Amino acid sequence: MNNRDMKWTAKEKKIARKAFDNAYKKEMKQIQKTIVKKVKSFSEEQDVWRLHDYLSKKRKEIDEKYDYRYSVLIFVFVRLMREGFIVEEDLEGLSVNKLESIKRLLDF
């Protein structure tokens, strides 16, 4: 079965939403820590614009990465696992097919 054609049960949707939201929160906390660090190290006026550029780049990355359409969610989870924002235990309860698809893509 194609990953884009997988059906999601109500239970799986709840598990997926929780993992997705937790990953988002983790990444946002990481960004917040980086911002605080950058602001504390400001030494010149141009640092404000460097921070703006950093935030613009991060906003674009976040908007592209966090796509909660079921047709692409397997791929989103693979990326979030690779980046360390989700671990396998976060997805416990998804069907064997979905977990196997994720593992296969991680190994690829």
PDB file of N, CA and C in Angstrom:
ATOM      1  N   MET A   1       0.842  -1.191   0.000  1.00  0.00           N
ATOM      2  CA  MET A   1       0.000   0.000   0.000  1.00  0.00           C
ATOM      3  C   MET A   1       0.883   1.249   0.000  1.00  0.00           C
ATOM      4  N   ASN A   2       0.528   2.201  -0.792  1.00  0.00           N
ATOM      5  CA  ASN A   2       1.225   3.472  -0.875  1.00  0.00           C
ATOM      6  C   ASN A   2       1.025   4.247   0.428  1.00  0.00           C
ATOM      7  N   ASN A   3       2.087   4.868   0.933  1.00  0.00           N
ATOM      8  CA  ASN A   3       1.993   5.647   2.173  1.00  0.00           C
ATOM      9  C   ASN A   3       0.925   6.730   2.096  1.00  0.00           C
ATOM     10  N   ARG A   4       0.736   7.270   0.918  1.00  0.00           N
ATOM     11  CA  ARG A   4      -0.247   8.348   0.755  1.00  0.00           C
ATOM     12  C   ARG A   4      -1.693   7.838   0.802  1.00  0.00           C
ATOM     13  N   ASP A   5      -1.878   6.537   0.627  1.00  0.00           N
ATOM     14  CA  ASP A   5      -3.224   5.955   0.616  1.00  0.00           C
ATOM     15  C   ASP A   5      -3.612   5.315   1.940  1.00  0.00           C
ATOM     16  N   MET A   6      -2.746   5.368   2.923  1.00  0.00           N
ATOM     17  CA  MET A   6      -3.028   4.710   4.201  1.00  0.00           C
ATOM     18  C   MET A   6      -4.220   5.367   4.892  1.00  0.00           C
ATOM     19  N   LYS A   7      -5.021   4.527   5.509  1.00  0.00           N
ATOM     20  CA  LYS A   7      -6.159   5.009   6.288  1.00  0.00           C
ATOM     21  C   LYS A   7      -5.724   5.125   7.748  1.00  0.00           C
ATOM     22  N   TRP A   8      -6.214   6.131   8.412  1.00  0.00           N
ATOM     23  CA  TRP A   8      -5.872   6.388   9.805  1.00  0.00           C
ATOM     24  C   TRP A   8      -7.111   6.195  10.673  1.00  0.00           C
ATOM     25  N   THR A   9      -6.988   5.344  11.694  1.00  0.00           N
ATOM     26  CA  THR A   9      -8.092   5.146  12.627  1.00  0.00           C
ATOM     27  C   THR A   9      -8.158   6.337  13.574  1.00  0.00           C
ATOM     28  N   ALA A  10      -9.247   6.458  14.290  1.00  0.00           N
ATOM     29  CA  ALA A  10      -9.397   7.548  15.269  1.00  0.00           C
ATOM     30  C   ALA A  10      -8.294   7.482  16.320  1.00  0.00           C
ATOM     31  N   LYS A  11      -7.964   6.265  16.765  1.00  0.00           N
ATOM     32  CA  LYS A  11      -6.897   6.085  17.759  1.00  0.00           C
ATOM     33  C   LYS A  11      -5.551   6.533  17.186  1.00  0.00           C
ATOM     34  N   GLU A  12      -5.280   6.153  15.952  1.00  0.00           N
ATOM     35  CA  GLU A  12      -4.025   6.534  15.317  1.00  0.00           C
ATOM     36  C   GLU A  12      -3.946   8.046  15.105  1.00  0.00           C
ATOM     37  N   LYS A  13      -5.058   8.641  14.764  1.00  0.00           N
ATOM     38  CA  LYS A  13      -5.082  10.095  14.574  1.00  0.00           C
ATOM     39  C   LYS A  13      -4.737  10.807  15.878  1.00  0.00           C
ATOM     40  N   LYS A  14      -5.235  10.288  16.978  1.00  0.00           N
ATOM     41  CA  LYS A  14      -4.958  10.884  18.292  1.00  0.00           C
ATOM     42  C   LYS A  14      -3.470  10.736  18.638  1.00  0.00           C
ATOM     43  N   ILE A  15      -2.909   9.554  18.401  1.00  0.00           N
ATOM     44  CA  ILE A  15      -1.484   9.297  18.657  1.00  0.00           C
ATOM     45  C   ILE A  15      -0.629  10.202  17.767  1.00  0.00           C
ATOM     46  N   ALA A  16      -0.996  10.268  16.494  1.00  0.00           N
ATOM     47  CA  ALA A  16      -0.245  11.074  15.531  1.00  0.00           C
ATOM     48  C   ALA A  16      -0.285  12.553  15.901  1.00  0.00           C
ATOM     49  N   ARG A  17      -1.450  13.035  16.282  1.00  0.00           N
ATOM     50  CA  ARG A  17      -1.592  14.456  16.646  1.00  0.00           C
ATOM     51  C   ARG A  17      -0.735  14.788  17.863  1.00  0.00           C
ATOM     52  N   LYS A  18      -0.740  13.902  18.843  1.00  0.00           N
ATOM     53  CA  LYS A  18       0.048  14.137  20.054  1.00  0.00           C
ATOM     54  C   LYS A  18       1.541  14.159  19.727  1.00  0.00           C
ATOM     55  N   ALA A  19       2.014  13.202  18.937  1.00  0.00           N
ATOM     56  CA  ALA A  19       3.430  13.154  18.556  1.00  0.00           C
ATOM     57  C   ALA A  19       3.808  14.392  17.746  1.00  0.00           C
ATOM     58  N   PHE A  20       2.958  14.756  16.824  1.00  0.00           N
ATOM     59  CA  PHE A  20       3.179  15.922  15.967  1.00  0.00           C
ATOM     60  C   PHE A  20       3.270  17.194  16.807  1.00  0.00           C
ATOM     61  N   ASP A  21       2.292  17.397  17.685  1.00  0.00           N
ATOM     62  CA  ASP A  21       2.261  18.597  18.524  1.00  0.00           C
ATOM     63  C   ASP A  21       3.453  18.650  19.477  1.00  0.00           C
ATOM     64  N   ASN A  22       3.822  17.521  20.046  1.00  0.00           N
ATOM     65  CA  ASN A  22       4.966  17.489  20.961  1.00  0.00           C
ATOM     66  C   ASN A  22       6.268  17.802  20.225  1.00  0.00           C
ATOM     67  N   ALA A  23       6.406  17.285  19.013  1.00  0.00           N
ATOM     68  CA  ALA A  23       7.597  17.579  18.211  1.00  0.00           C
ATOM     69  C   ALA A  23       7.667  19.074  17.913  1.00  0.00           C
ATOM     70  N   TYR A  24       6.538  19.646  17.550  1.00  0.00           N
ATOM     71  CA  TYR A  24       6.483  21.085  17.266  1.00  0.00           C
ATOM     72  C   TYR A  24       6.903  21.890  18.496  1.00  0.00           C
ATOM     73  N   LYS A  25       6.362  21.520  19.646  1.00  0.00           N
ATOM     74  CA  LYS A  25       6.701  22.228  20.892  1.00  0.00           C
ATOM     75  C   LYS A  25       8.192  22.100  21.197  1.00  0.00           C
ATOM     76  N   LYS A  26       8.756  20.914  21.014  1.00  0.00           N
ATOM     77  CA  LYS A  26      10.194  20.715  21.252  1.00  0.00           C
ATOM     78  C   LYS A  26      11.023  21.610  20.342  1.00  0.00           C
ATOM     79  N   GLU A  27      10.647  21.639  19.078  1.00  0.00           N
ATOM     80  CA  GLU A  27      11.413  22.453  18.144  1.00  0.00           C
ATOM     81  C   GLU A  27      11.270  23.933  18.455  1.00  0.00           C
ATOM     82  N   MET A  28      10.082  24.360  18.830  1.00  0.00           N
ATOM     83  CA  MET A  28       9.883  25.770  19.166  1.00  0.00           C
ATOM     84  C   MET A  28      10.691  26.146  20.407  1.00  0.00           C
ATOM     85  N   LYS A  29      10.762  25.262  21.387  1.00  0.00           N
ATOM     86  CA  LYS A  29      11.585  25.528  22.576  1.00  0.00           C
ATOM     87  C   LYS A  29      13.050  25.661  22.186  1.00  0.00           C
ATOM     88  N   GLN A  30      13.504  24.808  21.274  1.00  0.00           N
ATOM     89  CA  GLN A  30      14.881  24.869  20.796  1.00  0.00           C
ATOM     90  C   GLN A  30      15.147  26.221  20.117  1.00  0.00           C
ATOM     91  N   ILE A  31      14.211  26.666  19.323  1.00  0.00           N
ATOM     92  CA  ILE A  31      14.341  27.957  18.641  1.00  0.00           C
ATOM     93  C   ILE A  31      14.349  29.087  19.664  1.00  0.00           C
ATOM     94  N   GLN A  32      13.480  29.004  20.656  1.00  0.00           N
ATOM     95  CA  GLN A  32      13.441  30.036  21.700  1.00  0.00           C
ATOM     96  C   GLN A  32      14.780  30.137  22.426  1.00  0.00           C
ATOM     97  N   LYS A  33      15.365  29.000  22.755  1.00  0.00           N
ATOM     98  CA  LYS A  33      16.672  29.010  23.434  1.00  0.00           C
ATOM     99  C   LYS A  33      17.730  29.660  22.558  1.00  0.00           C
ATOM    100  N   THR A  34      17.678  29.354  21.271  1.00  0.00           N
ATOM    101  CA  THR A  34      18.636  29.948  20.336  1.00  0.00           C
ATOM    102  C   THR A  34      18.447  31.460  20.264  1.00  0.00           C
ATOM    103  N   ILE A  35      17.207  31.905  20.250  1.00  0.00           N
ATOM    104  CA  ILE A  35      16.922  33.340  20.186  1.00  0.00           C
ATOM    105  C   ILE A  35      17.482  34.046  21.418  1.00  0.00           C
ATOM    106  N   VAL A  36      17.210  33.490  22.587  1.00  0.00           N
ATOM    107  CA  VAL A  36      17.696  34.094  23.826  1.00  0.00           C
ATOM    108  C   VAL A  36      19.221  34.202  23.802  1.00  0.00           C
ATOM    109  N   LYS A  37      19.856  33.125  23.368  1.00  0.00           N
ATOM    110  CA  LYS A  37      21.323  33.105  23.278  1.00  0.00           C
ATOM    111  C   LYS A  37      21.823  34.181  22.312  1.00  0.00           C
ATOM    112  N   LYS A  38      21.171  34.286  21.169  1.00  0.00           N
ATOM    113  CA  LYS A  38      21.576  35.279  20.165  1.00  0.00           C
ATOM    114  C   LYS A  38      21.397  36.704  20.706  1.00  0.00           C
ATOM    115  N   VAL A  39      20.262  36.956  21.340  1.00  0.00           N
ATOM    116  CA  VAL A  39      19.992  38.294  21.852  1.00  0.00           C
ATOM    117  C   VAL A  39      21.002  38.665  22.934  1.00  0.00           C
ATOM    118  N   LYS A  40      21.325  37.729  23.786  1.00  0.00           N
ATOM    119  CA  LYS A  40      22.297  37.999  24.851  1.00  0.00           C
ATOM    120  C   LYS A  40      23.680  38.321  24.293  1.00  0.00           C
ATOM    121  N   SER A  41      23.954  37.820  23.107  1.00  0.00           N
ATOM    122  CA  SER A  41      25.288  38.052  22.525  1.00  0.00           C
ATOM    123  C   SER A  41      25.314  39.214  21.533  1.00  0.00           C
ATOM    124  N   PHE A  42      24.223  39.960  21.420  1.00  0.00           N
ATOM    125  CA  PHE A  42      24.200  41.117  20.524  1.00  0.00           C
ATOM    126  C   PHE A  42      25.347  42.057  20.880  1.00  0.00           C
ATOM    127  N   SER A  43      26.087  42.470  19.854  1.00  0.00           N
ATOM    128  CA  SER A  43      27.179  43.410  20.098  1.00  0.00           C
ATOM    129  C   SER A  43      27.130  44.601  19.147  1.00  0.00           C
ATOM    130  N   GLU A  44      26.288  44.499  18.141  1.00  0.00           N
ATOM    131  CA  GLU A  44      26.170  45.611  17.190  1.00  0.00           C
ATOM    132  C   GLU A  44      24.738  45.678  16.673  1.00  0.00           C
ATOM    133  N   GLU A  45      24.407  46.808  16.091  1.00  0.00           N
ATOM    134  CA  GLU A  45      23.044  47.053  15.625  1.00  0.00           C
ATOM    135  C   GLU A  45      22.589  46.035  14.582  1.00  0.00           C
ATOM    136  N   GLN A  46      23.502  45.593  13.738  1.00  0.00           N
ATOM    137  CA  GLN A  46      23.155  44.654  12.674  1.00  0.00           C
ATOM    138  C   GLN A  46      22.706  43.294  13.202  1.00  0.00           C
ATOM    139  N   ASP A  47      22.976  43.023  14.456  1.00  0.00           N
ATOM    140  CA  ASP A  47      22.553  41.749  15.044  1.00  0.00           C
ATOM    141  C   ASP A  47      21.031  41.611  15.035  1.00  0.00           C
ATOM    142  N   VAL A  48      20.334  42.731  15.112  1.00  0.00           N
ATOM    143  CA  VAL A  48      18.864  42.706  15.052  1.00  0.00           C
ATOM    144  C   VAL A  48      18.414  42.116  13.718  1.00  0.00           C
ATOM    145  N   TRP A  49      19.048  42.541  12.642  1.00  0.00           N
ATOM    146  CA  TRP A  49      18.662  42.054  11.315  1.00  0.00           C
ATOM    147  C   TRP A  49      19.116  40.616  11.101  1.00  0.00           C
ATOM    148  N   ARG A  50      20.209  40.231  11.711  1.00  0.00           N
ATOM    149  CA  ARG A  50      20.632  38.822  11.638  1.00  0.00           C
ATOM    150  C   ARG A  50      19.619  37.932  12.351  1.00  0.00           C
ATOM    151  N   LEU A  51      19.114  38.442  13.473  1.00  0.00           N
ATOM    152  CA  LEU A  51      18.077  37.689  14.182  1.00  0.00           C
ATOM    153  C   LEU A  51      16.816  37.598  13.327  1.00  0.00           C
ATOM    154  N   HIS A  52      16.464  38.674  12.691  1.00  0.00           N
ATOM    155  CA  HIS A  52      15.307  38.671  11.793  1.00  0.00           C
ATOM    156  C   HIS A  52      15.492  37.640  10.682  1.00  0.00           C
ATOM    157  N   ASP A  53      16.667  37.596  10.084  1.00  0.00           N
ATOM    158  CA  ASP A  53      16.950  36.633   9.015  1.00  0.00           C
ATOM    159  C   ASP A  53      16.850  35.206   9.531  1.00  0.00           C
ATOM    160  N   TYR A  54      17.394  34.970  10.717  1.00  0.00           N
ATOM    161  CA  TYR A  54      17.318  33.641  11.340  1.00  0.00           C
ATOM    162  C   TYR A  54      15.856  33.235  11.542  1.00  0.00           C
ATOM    163  N   LEU A  55      15.067  34.144  12.091  1.00  0.00           N
ATOM    164  CA  LEU A  55      13.658  33.832  12.351  1.00  0.00           C
ATOM    165  C   LEU A  55      12.879  33.614  11.055  1.00  0.00           C
ATOM    166  N   SER A  56      13.174  34.389  10.044  1.00  0.00           N
ATOM    167  CA  SER A  56      12.501  34.210   8.753  1.00  0.00           C
ATOM    168  C   SER A  56      12.819  32.842   8.168  1.00  0.00           C
ATOM    169  N   LYS A  57      14.082  32.451   8.255  1.00  0.00           N
ATOM    170  CA  LYS A  57      14.497  31.139   7.754  1.00  0.00           C
ATOM    171  C   LYS A  57      13.809  30.027   8.537  1.00  0.00           C
ATOM    172  N   LYS A  58      13.791  30.153   9.853  1.00  0.00           N
ATOM    173  CA  LYS A  58      13.165  29.128  10.692  1.00  0.00           C
ATOM    174  C   LYS A  58      11.668  29.042  10.426  1.00  0.00           C
ATOM    175  N   ARG A  59      11.033  30.173  10.243  1.00  0.00           N
ATOM    176  CA  ARG A  59       9.589  30.190   9.976  1.00  0.00           C
ATOM    177  C   ARG A  59       9.282  29.410   8.703  1.00  0.00           C
ATOM    178  N   LYS A  60      10.087  29.639   7.684  1.00  0.00           N
ATOM    179  CA  LYS A  60       9.890  28.937   6.412  1.00  0.00           C
ATOM    180  C   LYS A  60      10.097  27.429   6.605  1.00  0.00           C
ATOM    181  N   GLU A  61      11.155  27.046   7.306  1.00  0.00           N
ATOM    182  CA  GLU A  61      11.429  25.630   7.571  1.00  0.00           C
ATOM    183  C   GLU A  61      10.273  24.979   8.340  1.00  0.00           C
ATOM    184  N   ILE A  62       9.803  25.651   9.360  1.00  0.00           N
ATOM    185  CA  ILE A  62       8.719  25.115  10.189  1.00  0.00           C
ATOM    186  C   ILE A  62       7.446  24.961   9.356  1.00  0.00           C
ATOM    187  N   ASP A  63       7.128  25.971   8.583  1.00  0.00           N
ATOM    188  CA  ASP A  63       5.915  25.919   7.757  1.00  0.00           C
ATOM    189  C   ASP A  63       5.975  24.782   6.739  1.00  0.00           C
ATOM    190  N   GLU A  64       7.155  24.506   6.205  1.00  0.00           N
ATOM    191  CA  GLU A  64       7.303  23.418   5.238  1.00  0.00           C
ATOM    192  C   GLU A  64       7.306  22.050   5.919  1.00  0.00           C
ATOM    193  N   LYS A  65       7.889  21.976   7.080  1.00  0.00           N
ATOM    194  CA  LYS A  65       8.077  20.698   7.772  1.00  0.00           C
ATOM    195  C   LYS A  65       6.793  20.191   8.431  1.00  0.00           C
ATOM    196  N   TYR A  66       6.103  21.047   9.143  1.00  0.00           N
ATOM    197  CA  TYR A  66       4.959  20.621   9.941  1.00  0.00           C
ATOM    198  C   TYR A  66       3.679  20.649   9.110  1.00  0.00           C
ATOM    199  N   ASP A  67       3.487  19.591   8.363  1.00  0.00           N
ATOM    200  CA  ASP A  67       2.342  19.429   7.460  1.00  0.00           C
ATOM    201  C   ASP A  67       1.520  18.255   7.994  1.00  0.00           C
ATOM    202  N   TYR A  68       0.365  18.548   8.540  1.00  0.00           N
ATOM    203  CA  TYR A  68      -0.432  17.502   9.172  1.00  0.00           C
ATOM    204  C   TYR A  68      -1.497  16.931   8.229  1.00  0.00           C
ATOM    205  N   ARG A  69      -1.155  16.733   6.997  1.00  0.00           N
ATOM    206  CA  ARG A  69      -2.057  16.016   6.095  1.00  0.00           C
ATOM    207  C   ARG A  69      -1.715  14.537   6.206  1.00  0.00           C
ATOM    208  N   TYR A  70      -2.738  13.718   6.349  1.00  0.00           N
ATOM    209  CA  TYR A  70      -2.507  12.284   6.533  1.00  0.00           C
ATOM    210  C   TYR A  70      -1.774  11.672   5.342  1.00  0.00           C
ATOM    211  N   SER A  71      -1.916  12.259   4.184  1.00  0.00           N
ATOM    212  CA  SER A  71      -1.260  11.726   2.993  1.00  0.00           C
ATOM    213  C   SER A  71       0.261  11.856   3.045  1.00  0.00           C
ATOM    214  N   VAL A  72       0.773  12.755   3.865  1.00  0.00           N
ATOM    215  CA  VAL A  72       2.229  12.954   3.965  1.00  0.00           C
ATOM    216  C   VAL A  72       2.769  12.753   5.375  1.00  0.00           C
ATOM    217  N   LEU A  73       1.910  12.412   6.296  1.00  0.00           N
ATOM    218  CA  LEU A  73       2.301  12.352   7.709  1.00  0.00           C
ATOM    219  C   LEU A  73       3.411  11.346   7.987  1.00  0.00           C
ATOM    220  N   ILE A  74       3.414  10.235   7.289  1.00  0.00           N
ATOM    221  CA  ILE A  74       4.486   9.245   7.461  1.00  0.00           C
ATOM    222  C   ILE A  74       5.832   9.907   7.151  1.00  0.00           C
ATOM    223  N   PHE A  75       5.899  10.666   6.074  1.00  0.00           N
ATOM    224  CA  PHE A  75       7.139  11.342   5.678  1.00  0.00           C
ATOM    225  C   PHE A  75       7.532  12.419   6.688  1.00  0.00           C
ATOM    226  N   VAL A  76       6.540  13.109   7.224  1.00  0.00           N
ATOM    227  CA  VAL A  76       6.792  14.124   8.258  1.00  0.00           C
ATOM    228  C   VAL A  76       7.402  13.450   9.489  1.00  0.00           C
ATOM    229  N   PHE A  77       6.826  12.317   9.895  1.00  0.00           N
ATOM    230  CA  PHE A  77       7.346  11.616  11.068  1.00  0.00           C
ATOM    231  C   PHE A  77       8.775  11.119  10.842  1.00  0.00           C
ATOM    232  N   VAL A  78       9.060  10.654   9.651  1.00  0.00           N
ATOM    233  CA  VAL A  78      10.421  10.208   9.337  1.00  0.00           C
ATOM    234  C   VAL A  78      11.390  11.381   9.505  1.00  0.00           C
ATOM    235  N   ARG A  79      11.039  12.510   8.956  1.00  0.00           N
ATOM    236  CA  ARG A  79      11.917  13.690   9.077  1.00  0.00           C
ATOM    237  C   ARG A  79      12.086  14.100  10.533  1.00  0.00           C
ATOM    238  N   LEU A  80      10.990  14.113  11.280  1.00  0.00           N
ATOM    239  CA  LEU A  80      11.063  14.521  12.682  1.00  0.00           C
ATOM    240  C   LEU A  80      11.881  13.530  13.513  1.00  0.00           C
ATOM    241  N   MET A  81      11.824  12.268  13.152  1.00  0.00           N
ATOM    242  CA  MET A  81      12.650  11.280  13.838  1.00  0.00           C
ATOM    243  C   MET A  81      14.120  11.497  13.501  1.00  0.00           C
ATOM    244  N   ARG A  82      14.411  11.725  12.250  1.00  0.00           N
ATOM    245  CA  ARG A  82      15.803  11.978  11.840  1.00  0.00           C
ATOM    246  C   ARG A  82      16.381  13.191  12.557  1.00  0.00           C
ATOM    247  N   GLU A  83      15.547  14.178  12.781  1.00  0.00           N
ATOM    248  CA  GLU A  83      16.000  15.414  13.420  1.00  0.00           C
ATOM    249  C   GLU A  83      15.940  15.338  14.944  1.00  0.00           C
ATOM    250  N   GLY A  84      15.417  14.240  15.476  1.00  0.00           N
ATOM    251  CA  GLY A  84      15.413  14.043  16.918  1.00  0.00           C
ATOM    252  C   GLY A  84      14.240  14.647  17.670  1.00  0.00           C
ATOM    253  N   PHE A  85      13.197  15.042  16.963  1.00  0.00           N
ATOM    254  CA  PHE A  85      12.044  15.638  17.633  1.00  0.00           C
ATOM    255  C   PHE A  85      10.972  14.605  17.975  1.00  0.00           C
ATOM    256  N   ILE A  86      11.089  13.411  17.390  1.00  0.00           N
ATOM    257  CA  ILE A  86      10.196  12.296  17.683  1.00  0.00           C
ATOM    258  C   ILE A  86      11.059  11.057  17.859  1.00  0.00           C
ATOM    259  N   VAL A  87      10.661  10.220  18.813  1.00  0.00           N
ATOM    260  CA  VAL A  87      11.298   8.910  18.970  1.00  0.00           C
ATOM    261  C   VAL A  87      10.233   7.849  18.707  1.00  0.00           C
ATOM    262  N   GLU A  88      10.681   6.642  18.472  1.00  0.00           N
ATOM    263  CA  GLU A  88       9.765   5.559  18.107  1.00  0.00           C
ATOM    264  C   GLU A  88       8.631   5.390  19.116  1.00  0.00           C
ATOM    265  N   GLU A  89       8.937   5.560  20.380  1.00  0.00           N
ATOM    266  CA  GLU A  89       7.924   5.390  21.425  1.00  0.00           C
ATOM    267  C   GLU A  89       6.770   6.389  21.282  1.00  0.00           C
ATOM    268  N   ASP A  90       7.052   7.550  20.708  1.00  0.00           N
ATOM    269  CA  ASP A  90       6.007   8.565  20.504  1.00  0.00           C
ATOM    270  C   ASP A  90       4.924   8.073  19.551  1.00  0.00           C
ATOM    271  N   LEU A  91       5.275   7.112  18.707  1.00  0.00           N
ATOM    272  CA  LEU A  91       4.346   6.623  17.680  1.00  0.00           C
ATOM    273  C   LEU A  91       3.749   5.261  18.046  1.00  0.00           C
ATOM    274  N   GLU A  92       4.030   4.808  19.252  1.00  0.00           N
ATOM    275  CA  GLU A  92       3.512   3.523  19.705  1.00  0.00           C
ATOM    276  C   GLU A  92       1.984   3.531  19.639  1.00  0.00           C
ATOM    277  N   GLY A  93       1.438   2.510  19.003  1.00  0.00           N
ATOM    278  CA  GLY A  93      -0.009   2.416  18.833  1.00  0.00           C
ATOM    279  C   GLY A  93      -0.444   2.596  17.391  1.00  0.00           C
ATOM    280  N   LEU A  94       0.480   3.071  16.544  1.00  0.00           N
ATOM    281  CA  LEU A  94       0.168   3.129  15.117  1.00  0.00           C
ATOM    282  C   LEU A  94       0.201   1.710  14.568  1.00  0.00           C
ATOM    283  N   SER A  95      -0.438   1.501  13.457  1.00  0.00           N
ATOM    284  CA  SER A  95      -0.486   0.161  12.861  1.00  0.00           C
ATOM    285  C   SER A  95       0.915  -0.333  12.507  1.00  0.00           C
ATOM    286  N   VAL A  96       1.049  -1.629  12.431  1.00  0.00           N
ATOM    287  CA  VAL A  96       2.321  -2.249  12.057  1.00  0.00           C
ATOM    288  C   VAL A  96       2.765  -1.740  10.692  1.00  0.00           C
ATOM    289  N   ASN A  97       1.821  -1.612   9.764  1.00  0.00           N
ATOM    290  CA  ASN A  97       2.153  -1.126   8.414  1.00  0.00           C
ATOM    291  C   ASN A  97       2.763   0.271   8.445  1.00  0.00           C
ATOM    292  N   LYS A  98       2.191   1.147   9.243  1.00  0.00           N
ATOM    293  CA  LYS A  98       2.705   2.515   9.326  1.00  0.00           C
ATOM    294  C   LYS A  98       4.085   2.527   9.963  1.00  0.00           C
ATOM    295  N   LEU A  99       4.246   1.781  11.044  1.00  0.00           N
ATOM    296  CA  LEU A  99       5.540   1.734  11.720  1.00  0.00           C
ATOM    297  C   LEU A  99       6.615   1.122  10.822  1.00  0.00           C
ATOM    298  N   GLU A 100       6.247   0.095  10.083  1.00  0.00           N
ATOM    299  CA  GLU A 100       7.202  -0.522   9.152  1.00  0.00           C
ATOM    300  C   GLU A 100       7.576   0.450   8.032  1.00  0.00           C
ATOM    301  N   SER A 101       6.618   1.191   7.549  1.00  0.00           N
ATOM    302  CA  SER A 101       6.895   2.187   6.503  1.00  0.00           C
ATOM    303  C   SER A 101       7.870   3.240   7.022  1.00  0.00           C
ATOM    304  N   ILE A 102       7.656   3.674   8.239  1.00  0.00           N
ATOM    305  CA  ILE A 102       8.539   4.670   8.842  1.00  0.00           C
ATOM    306  C   ILE A 102       9.946   4.111   8.979  1.00  0.00           C
ATOM    307  N   LYS A 103      10.042   2.894   9.481  1.00  0.00           N
ATOM    308  CA  LYS A 103      11.366   2.253   9.665  1.00  0.00           C
ATOM    309  C   LYS A 103      12.073   2.072   8.329  1.00  0.00           C
ATOM    310  N   ARG A 104      11.326   1.639   7.312  1.00  0.00           N
ATOM    311  CA  ARG A 104      11.919   1.449   5.976  1.00  0.00           C
ATOM    312  C   ARG A 104      12.474   2.773   5.446  1.00  0.00           C
ATOM    313  N   LEU A 105      11.696   3.820   5.596  1.00  0.00           N
ATOM    314  CA  LEU A 105      12.137   5.122   5.108  1.00  0.00           C
ATOM    315  C   LEU A 105      13.310   5.659   5.916  1.00  0.00           C
ATOM    316  N   LEU A 106      13.348   5.370   7.185  1.00  0.00           N
ATOM    317  CA  LEU A 106      14.482   5.781   8.019  1.00  0.00           C
ATOM    318  C   LEU A 106      15.762   5.088   7.593  1.00  0.00           C
ATOM    319  N   ASP A 107      15.638   3.830   7.180  1.00  0.00           N
ATOM    320  CA  ASP A 107      16.798   3.058   6.754  1.00  0.00           C
ATOM    321  C   ASP A 107      17.275   3.462   5.359  1.00  0.00           C
ATOM    322  N   PHE A 108      16.409   4.097   4.590  1.00  0.00           N
ATOM    323  CA  PHE A 108      16.715   4.441   3.214  1.00  0.00           C
ATOM    324  C   PHE A 108      17.737   5.544   3.123  1.00  0.00           C
TER     325      PHE A 108
END
